[in-house]
């Protein structure tokens, strides 16, 4: 289908500043959705949230991490050990990902756990329980 030259009324600005009046400026339209010459296509709902698929992937990863967190709790991962270091990595990853994809409560809990593990705190298990509970609540 050939591209047509259409005229539209758009706000115009120049090097002298923006102009409040609208001027007719030629624009190129790649296609027209209402063009009767265009064959009908199947319409799919469009998500308004561009992060929706990424959020779903993050939540799937959270479910996997939840299993790892529960296993660490069962084996009583100790700060400063190799299992504690692995837990630091999981907490760090969850803190960043959760903050990025719109789950601030998971992010805060994971960050608290990471900090306590790095400080080798003997109350890190409390933060681990809080993170596990927050992920479970989010996944419901």
N, C-alpha and C. Protein backbone atom coordinates (compact mmCIF):
# COMPACT_ATOMS: atom_id res chain seq x y z
N UNK A 1 0.85 -1.17 0.00
CA UNK A 1 0.00 0.00 0.00
C UNK A 1 0.90 1.23 0.00
N UNK A 2 0.67 2.17 -0.87
CA UNK A 2 1.51 3.37 -0.91
C UNK A 2 1.27 4.24 0.31
N UNK A 3 2.32 4.91 0.71
CA UNK A 3 2.24 5.84 1.83
C UNK A 3 1.71 7.16 1.30
N UNK A 4 0.71 7.68 1.98
CA UNK A 4 0.10 8.92 1.51
C UNK A 4 0.60 10.11 2.33
N UNK A 5 0.57 11.24 1.72
CA UNK A 5 0.93 12.48 2.39
C UNK A 5 -0.35 13.10 2.92
N UNK A 6 -0.42 13.27 4.23
CA UNK A 6 -1.60 13.83 4.83
C UNK A 6 -1.25 15.15 5.51
N UNK A 7 -2.22 16.00 5.69
CA UNK A 7 -2.01 17.26 6.37
C UNK A 7 -2.68 17.19 7.72
N UNK A 8 -1.94 17.55 8.77
CA UNK A 8 -2.47 17.51 10.12
C UNK A 8 -2.24 18.85 10.80
N UNK A 9 -3.10 19.17 11.74
CA UNK A 9 -2.90 20.36 12.56
C UNK A 9 -2.12 19.94 13.80
N UNK A 10 -0.90 20.43 13.92
CA UNK A 10 -0.05 20.08 15.05
C UNK A 10 0.54 21.34 15.65
N UNK A 11 0.87 21.33 16.96
CA UNK A 11 1.55 22.48 17.55
C UNK A 11 2.89 22.68 16.86
N UNK A 12 3.27 23.90 16.65
CA UNK A 12 4.49 24.20 15.94
C UNK A 12 5.40 25.00 16.84
N UNK A 13 6.66 24.65 16.86
CA UNK A 13 7.63 25.46 17.62
C UNK A 13 8.80 25.78 16.71
N UNK A 14 9.43 26.88 16.97
CA UNK A 14 10.58 27.29 16.17
C UNK A 14 11.69 27.72 17.10
N UNK A 15 12.77 28.21 16.53
CA UNK A 15 13.89 28.66 17.36
C UNK A 15 13.52 29.90 18.18
N UNK A 16 12.38 30.50 17.88
CA UNK A 16 11.91 31.66 18.64
C UNK A 16 10.95 31.26 19.76
N UNK A 17 10.80 29.97 20.00
CA UNK A 17 9.92 29.51 21.07
C UNK A 17 8.68 28.84 20.52
N UNK A 18 7.93 28.25 21.41
CA UNK A 18 6.72 27.53 21.02
C UNK A 18 5.63 28.51 20.61
N UNK A 19 4.85 28.09 19.67
CA UNK A 19 3.75 28.91 19.18
C UNK A 19 2.45 28.29 19.67
N UNK A 20 1.56 29.08 20.20
CA UNK A 20 0.32 28.53 20.73
C UNK A 20 -0.69 28.22 19.64
N UNK A 21 -0.49 28.74 18.44
CA UNK A 21 -1.42 28.45 17.36
C UNK A 21 -1.01 27.16 16.67
N UNK A 22 -1.96 26.53 16.02
CA UNK A 22 -1.66 25.31 15.28
C UNK A 22 -1.57 25.64 13.82
N UNK A 23 -0.58 25.01 13.19
CA UNK A 23 -0.38 25.22 11.76
C UNK A 23 -0.55 23.89 11.05
N UNK A 24 -0.89 23.99 9.78
CA UNK A 24 -1.04 22.80 8.98
C UNK A 24 0.34 22.39 8.48
N UNK A 25 0.77 21.18 8.87
CA UNK A 25 2.09 20.69 8.50
C UNK A 25 1.92 19.33 7.82
N UNK A 26 2.53 19.14 6.64
CA UNK A 26 2.43 17.83 6.00
C UNK A 26 3.13 16.76 6.83
N UNK A 27 2.49 15.62 7.02
CA UNK A 27 3.09 14.50 7.74
C UNK A 27 2.92 13.24 6.91
N UNK A 28 3.78 12.28 7.12
CA UNK A 28 3.68 11.00 6.42
C UNK A 28 3.09 9.97 7.38
N UNK A 29 2.07 9.29 6.93
CA UNK A 29 1.47 8.22 7.72
C UNK A 29 1.88 6.90 7.10
N UNK A 30 2.40 6.00 7.90
CA UNK A 30 2.86 4.71 7.38
C UNK A 30 1.68 3.86 6.93
N UNK A 31 0.57 3.93 7.63
CA UNK A 31 -0.62 3.21 7.24
C UNK A 31 -1.81 3.80 7.96
N UNK A 32 -2.96 3.46 7.49
CA UNK A 32 -4.19 3.94 8.11
C UNK A 32 -4.96 2.72 8.60
N UNK A 33 -5.24 2.67 9.92
CA UNK A 33 -5.94 1.51 10.48
C UNK A 33 -7.36 1.38 9.97
N UNK A 34 -7.97 2.49 9.58
CA UNK A 34 -9.35 2.46 9.13
C UNK A 34 -9.49 2.39 7.61
N UNK A 35 -8.44 2.11 6.94
CA UNK A 35 -8.46 2.05 5.48
C UNK A 35 -9.24 0.82 5.03
N UNK A 36 -10.34 0.99 4.30
CA UNK A 36 -11.13 -0.16 3.88
C UNK A 36 -10.39 -1.08 2.92
N UNK A 37 -9.33 -0.59 2.30
CA UNK A 37 -8.56 -1.43 1.37
C UNK A 37 -7.64 -2.38 2.13
N UNK A 38 -7.45 -2.14 3.42
CA UNK A 38 -6.57 -2.97 4.23
C UNK A 38 -7.34 -4.20 4.70
N UNK A 39 -6.77 -5.39 4.57
CA UNK A 39 -7.49 -6.59 4.98
C UNK A 39 -7.71 -6.61 6.49
N UNK A 40 -8.82 -7.21 6.90
CA UNK A 40 -9.13 -7.32 8.33
C UNK A 40 -8.12 -8.26 8.98
N UNK A 41 -7.70 -7.91 10.17
CA UNK A 41 -6.77 -8.74 10.92
C UNK A 41 -7.37 -9.07 12.27
N UNK A 42 -6.83 -10.11 12.87
CA UNK A 42 -7.29 -10.49 14.21
C UNK A 42 -6.81 -9.44 15.20
N UNK A 43 -7.69 -9.03 16.09
CA UNK A 43 -7.34 -8.05 17.10
C UNK A 43 -7.07 -8.75 18.41
N UNK A 44 -5.94 -8.42 19.02
CA UNK A 44 -5.60 -8.95 20.33
C UNK A 44 -5.59 -7.81 21.32
N UNK A 45 -5.99 -8.08 22.57
CA UNK A 45 -5.95 -7.02 23.56
C UNK A 45 -4.50 -6.56 23.77
N UNK A 46 -4.32 -5.29 23.90
CA UNK A 46 -3.00 -4.72 24.11
C UNK A 46 -2.89 -4.32 25.57
N UNK A 47 -1.86 -4.80 26.23
CA UNK A 47 -1.64 -4.44 27.63
C UNK A 47 -1.19 -3.00 27.71
N UNK A 48 -1.75 -2.27 28.66
CA UNK A 48 -1.33 -0.90 28.88
C UNK A 48 -0.02 -0.83 29.63
N UNK A 49 0.37 -1.93 30.25
CA UNK A 49 1.59 -1.97 31.05
C UNK A 49 2.71 -2.65 30.25
N UNK A 50 3.71 -1.89 29.83
CA UNK A 50 4.79 -2.49 29.05
C UNK A 50 5.64 -3.47 29.85
N UNK A 51 5.55 -3.41 31.19
CA UNK A 51 6.34 -4.30 32.02
C UNK A 51 5.59 -5.56 32.43
N UNK A 52 4.35 -5.73 31.98
CA UNK A 52 3.53 -6.85 32.44
C UNK A 52 4.19 -8.21 32.20
N UNK A 53 4.73 -8.43 31.02
CA UNK A 53 5.36 -9.73 30.76
C UNK A 53 6.63 -9.90 31.58
N UNK A 54 7.37 -8.81 31.77
CA UNK A 54 8.57 -8.89 32.59
C UNK A 54 8.23 -9.14 34.06
N UNK A 55 7.15 -8.53 34.52
CA UNK A 55 6.71 -8.77 35.89
C UNK A 55 6.32 -10.24 36.07
N UNK A 56 5.65 -10.81 35.09
CA UNK A 56 5.26 -12.22 35.19
C UNK A 56 6.49 -13.12 35.22
N UNK A 57 7.49 -12.81 34.41
CA UNK A 57 8.74 -13.59 34.44
C UNK A 57 9.44 -13.45 35.78
N UNK A 58 9.42 -12.22 36.33
CA UNK A 58 10.04 -12.01 37.64
C UNK A 58 9.32 -12.83 38.70
N UNK A 59 7.98 -12.84 38.68
CA UNK A 59 7.23 -13.61 39.67
C UNK A 59 7.50 -15.11 39.54
N UNK A 60 7.67 -15.59 38.33
CA UNK A 60 8.02 -17.00 38.13
C UNK A 60 9.39 -17.28 38.74
N UNK A 61 10.31 -16.35 38.56
CA UNK A 61 11.64 -16.49 39.16
C UNK A 61 11.55 -16.42 40.68
N UNK A 62 10.63 -15.60 41.20
CA UNK A 62 10.42 -15.51 42.65
C UNK A 62 9.99 -16.86 43.21
N UNK A 63 9.13 -17.55 42.49
CA UNK A 63 8.68 -18.86 42.95
C UNK A 63 9.85 -19.83 43.05
N UNK A 64 10.76 -19.77 42.08
CA UNK A 64 11.96 -20.60 42.13
C UNK A 64 12.85 -20.21 43.30
N UNK A 65 13.01 -18.91 43.49
CA UNK A 65 13.85 -18.41 44.59
C UNK A 65 13.23 -18.76 45.95
N UNK A 66 11.91 -18.79 46.01
CA UNK A 66 11.22 -19.14 47.25
C UNK A 66 11.62 -20.53 47.71
N UNK A 67 11.71 -21.46 46.78
CA UNK A 67 12.14 -22.83 47.09
C UNK A 67 13.56 -22.79 47.66
N UNK A 68 14.44 -22.02 47.04
CA UNK A 68 15.82 -21.92 47.51
C UNK A 68 15.89 -21.27 48.90
N UNK A 69 15.08 -20.25 49.13
CA UNK A 69 15.07 -19.57 50.42
C UNK A 69 14.59 -20.50 51.53
N UNK A 70 13.56 -21.28 51.24
CA UNK A 70 13.05 -22.24 52.22
C UNK A 70 14.08 -23.33 52.52
N UNK A 71 14.79 -23.75 51.49
CA UNK A 71 15.84 -24.75 51.69
C UNK A 71 16.96 -24.18 52.56
N UNK A 72 17.31 -22.93 52.33
CA UNK A 72 18.34 -22.28 53.15
C UNK A 72 17.88 -22.18 54.60
N UNK A 73 16.61 -21.90 54.79
CA UNK A 73 16.07 -21.82 56.16
C UNK A 73 16.13 -23.18 56.83
N UNK A 74 15.80 -24.24 56.09
CA UNK A 74 15.80 -25.59 56.66
C UNK A 74 17.22 -26.04 57.04
N UNK A 75 18.19 -25.68 56.23
CA UNK A 75 19.57 -26.10 56.56
C UNK A 75 20.27 -25.07 57.43
N UNK A 76 19.52 -24.05 57.84
CA UNK A 76 20.01 -23.01 58.74
C UNK A 76 21.31 -22.39 58.22
N UNK A 77 21.19 -21.78 57.04
CA UNK A 77 22.33 -21.12 56.41
C UNK A 77 22.93 -20.10 57.38
N UNK A 78 24.23 -20.15 57.53
CA UNK A 78 24.94 -19.31 58.48
C UNK A 78 25.65 -18.18 57.73
N UNK A 79 25.47 -16.92 58.20
CA UNK A 79 26.21 -15.81 57.57
C UNK A 79 27.71 -16.07 57.62
N UNK A 80 28.37 -15.83 56.51
CA UNK A 80 29.82 -16.04 56.42
C UNK A 80 30.20 -17.38 55.83
N UNK A 81 29.24 -18.32 55.76
CA UNK A 81 29.52 -19.62 55.15
C UNK A 81 29.21 -19.56 53.65
N UNK A 82 29.52 -20.64 52.95
CA UNK A 82 29.22 -20.65 51.52
C UNK A 82 27.71 -20.58 51.28
N UNK A 83 26.94 -21.24 52.14
CA UNK A 83 25.48 -21.16 51.98
C UNK A 83 24.99 -19.76 52.30
N UNK A 84 25.64 -19.07 53.23
CA UNK A 84 25.30 -17.69 53.53
C UNK A 84 25.63 -16.77 52.37
N UNK A 85 26.77 -17.04 51.71
CA UNK A 85 27.15 -16.24 50.54
C UNK A 85 26.17 -16.44 49.39
N UNK A 86 25.70 -17.67 49.20
CA UNK A 86 24.71 -17.93 48.17
C UNK A 86 23.42 -17.18 48.48
N UNK A 87 23.05 -17.17 49.75
CA UNK A 87 21.85 -16.46 50.18
C UNK A 87 21.99 -14.96 49.96
N UNK A 88 23.19 -14.42 50.14
CA UNK A 88 23.44 -12.99 49.88
C UNK A 88 23.17 -12.70 48.40
N UNK A 89 23.63 -13.56 47.53
CA UNK A 89 23.40 -13.38 46.09
C UNK A 89 21.93 -13.42 45.73
N UNK A 90 21.20 -14.37 46.32
CA UNK A 90 19.76 -14.47 46.06
C UNK A 90 19.06 -13.21 46.56
N UNK A 91 19.39 -12.78 47.77
CA UNK A 91 18.75 -11.59 48.35
C UNK A 91 19.06 -10.36 47.51
N UNK A 92 20.30 -10.23 47.07
CA UNK A 92 20.70 -9.09 46.25
C UNK A 92 19.92 -9.06 44.93
N UNK A 93 19.83 -10.21 44.30
CA UNK A 93 19.10 -10.32 43.04
C UNK A 93 17.62 -9.98 43.22
N UNK A 94 17.02 -10.51 44.28
CA UNK A 94 15.60 -10.22 44.54
C UNK A 94 15.38 -8.75 44.87
N UNK A 95 16.28 -8.15 45.63
CA UNK A 95 16.13 -6.74 46.00
C UNK A 95 16.12 -5.85 44.76
N UNK A 96 17.04 -6.08 43.86
CA UNK A 96 17.10 -5.27 42.64
C UNK A 96 15.95 -5.54 41.69
N UNK A 97 15.67 -6.80 41.45
CA UNK A 97 14.60 -7.15 40.52
C UNK A 97 13.23 -6.72 41.02
N UNK A 98 12.98 -6.93 42.30
CA UNK A 98 11.68 -6.55 42.86
C UNK A 98 11.47 -5.04 42.79
N UNK A 99 12.52 -4.29 43.07
CA UNK A 99 12.41 -2.84 42.97
C UNK A 99 12.17 -2.38 41.55
N UNK A 100 12.83 -3.01 40.62
CA UNK A 100 12.68 -2.65 39.21
C UNK A 100 11.30 -2.95 38.67
N UNK A 101 10.73 -4.10 39.05
CA UNK A 101 9.48 -4.54 38.45
C UNK A 101 8.24 -4.23 39.29
N UNK A 102 8.39 -3.37 40.29
CA UNK A 102 7.22 -2.87 41.00
C UNK A 102 6.76 -3.67 42.20
N UNK A 103 7.68 -4.32 42.88
CA UNK A 103 7.35 -5.07 44.09
C UNK A 103 8.22 -4.54 45.24
N UNK A 104 7.92 -3.33 45.72
CA UNK A 104 8.78 -2.69 46.70
C UNK A 104 8.87 -3.42 48.04
N UNK A 105 7.82 -4.13 48.44
CA UNK A 105 7.86 -4.84 49.72
C UNK A 105 8.86 -5.99 49.68
N UNK A 106 8.89 -6.71 48.57
CA UNK A 106 9.90 -7.78 48.42
C UNK A 106 11.28 -7.16 48.39
N UNK A 107 11.42 -6.06 47.69
CA UNK A 107 12.72 -5.39 47.57
C UNK A 107 13.26 -4.99 48.94
N UNK A 108 12.41 -4.40 49.76
CA UNK A 108 12.84 -3.96 51.10
C UNK A 108 13.24 -5.15 51.95
N UNK A 109 12.42 -6.19 51.94
CA UNK A 109 12.73 -7.39 52.76
C UNK A 109 14.03 -8.06 52.29
N UNK A 110 14.20 -8.15 50.99
CA UNK A 110 15.42 -8.78 50.46
C UNK A 110 16.65 -7.94 50.78
N UNK A 111 16.52 -6.63 50.70
CA UNK A 111 17.64 -5.74 51.02
C UNK A 111 18.01 -5.85 52.50
N UNK A 112 17.00 -5.94 53.36
CA UNK A 112 17.27 -6.12 54.80
C UNK A 112 18.02 -7.42 55.04
N UNK A 113 17.58 -8.49 54.38
CA UNK A 113 18.25 -9.77 54.54
C UNK A 113 19.69 -9.69 54.05
N UNK A 114 19.89 -9.12 52.90
CA UNK A 114 21.24 -8.99 52.34
C UNK A 114 22.15 -8.24 53.32
N UNK A 115 21.67 -7.13 53.84
CA UNK A 115 22.48 -6.33 54.77
C UNK A 115 22.83 -7.12 56.02
N UNK A 116 21.85 -7.81 56.60
CA UNK A 116 22.11 -8.58 57.82
C UNK A 116 23.07 -9.74 57.57
N UNK A 117 22.97 -10.36 56.40
CA UNK A 117 23.91 -11.44 56.07
C UNK A 117 25.33 -10.91 55.89
N UNK A 118 25.45 -9.77 55.23
CA UNK A 118 26.78 -9.17 55.04
C UNK A 118 27.39 -8.79 56.39
N UNK A 119 26.55 -8.28 57.29
CA UNK A 119 27.02 -7.89 58.63
C UNK A 119 27.19 -9.11 59.54
N UNK A 120 26.85 -10.28 59.05
CA UNK A 120 26.93 -11.53 59.81
C UNK A 120 26.13 -11.46 61.11
N UNK A 121 24.96 -10.88 60.98
CA UNK A 121 24.08 -10.71 62.13
C UNK A 121 23.45 -12.04 62.52
N UNK A 122 23.27 -12.22 63.83
CA UNK A 122 22.64 -13.46 64.30
C UNK A 122 21.12 -13.39 64.23
N UNK A 123 20.56 -12.27 63.75
CA UNK A 123 19.11 -12.15 63.56
C UNK A 123 18.72 -12.20 62.09
N UNK A 124 19.64 -12.63 61.23
CA UNK A 124 19.35 -12.71 59.79
C UNK A 124 18.21 -13.69 59.51
N UNK A 125 18.07 -14.70 60.37
CA UNK A 125 16.98 -15.68 60.15
C UNK A 125 15.60 -15.02 60.25
N UNK A 126 15.48 -13.96 61.05
CA UNK A 126 14.21 -13.24 61.16
C UNK A 126 13.90 -12.54 59.83
N UNK A 127 14.92 -11.92 59.23
CA UNK A 127 14.75 -11.26 57.93
C UNK A 127 14.45 -12.29 56.84
N UNK A 128 15.06 -13.46 56.93
CA UNK A 128 14.79 -14.53 55.96
C UNK A 128 13.33 -14.96 56.05
N UNK A 129 12.83 -15.14 57.26
CA UNK A 129 11.41 -15.51 57.44
C UNK A 129 10.49 -14.42 56.88
N UNK A 130 10.85 -13.15 57.11
CA UNK A 130 10.02 -12.04 56.61
C UNK A 130 10.01 -12.01 55.08
N UNK A 131 11.16 -12.27 54.45
CA UNK A 131 11.23 -12.29 52.99
C UNK A 131 10.41 -13.45 52.43
N UNK A 132 10.52 -14.61 53.03
CA UNK A 132 9.74 -15.76 52.58
C UNK A 132 8.24 -15.45 52.68
N UNK A 133 7.82 -14.88 53.80
CA UNK A 133 6.41 -14.54 53.98
C UNK A 133 5.94 -13.52 52.96
N UNK A 134 6.79 -12.53 52.65
CA UNK A 134 6.40 -11.49 51.68
C UNK A 134 6.27 -12.06 50.27
N UNK A 135 7.17 -12.94 49.90
CA UNK A 135 7.09 -13.56 48.56
C UNK A 135 5.84 -14.43 48.47
N UNK A 136 5.56 -15.21 49.52
CA UNK A 136 4.36 -16.04 49.52
C UNK A 136 3.11 -15.19 49.41
N UNK A 137 3.06 -14.07 50.13
CA UNK A 137 1.91 -13.18 50.07
C UNK A 137 1.74 -12.61 48.66
N UNK A 138 2.83 -12.24 48.04
CA UNK A 138 2.80 -11.65 46.69
C UNK A 138 2.37 -12.67 45.65
N UNK A 139 2.79 -13.89 45.80
CA UNK A 139 2.49 -14.94 44.81
C UNK A 139 1.05 -15.46 44.90
N UNK A 140 0.36 -15.16 46.00
CA UNK A 140 -1.04 -15.64 46.15
C UNK A 140 -1.97 -14.93 45.24
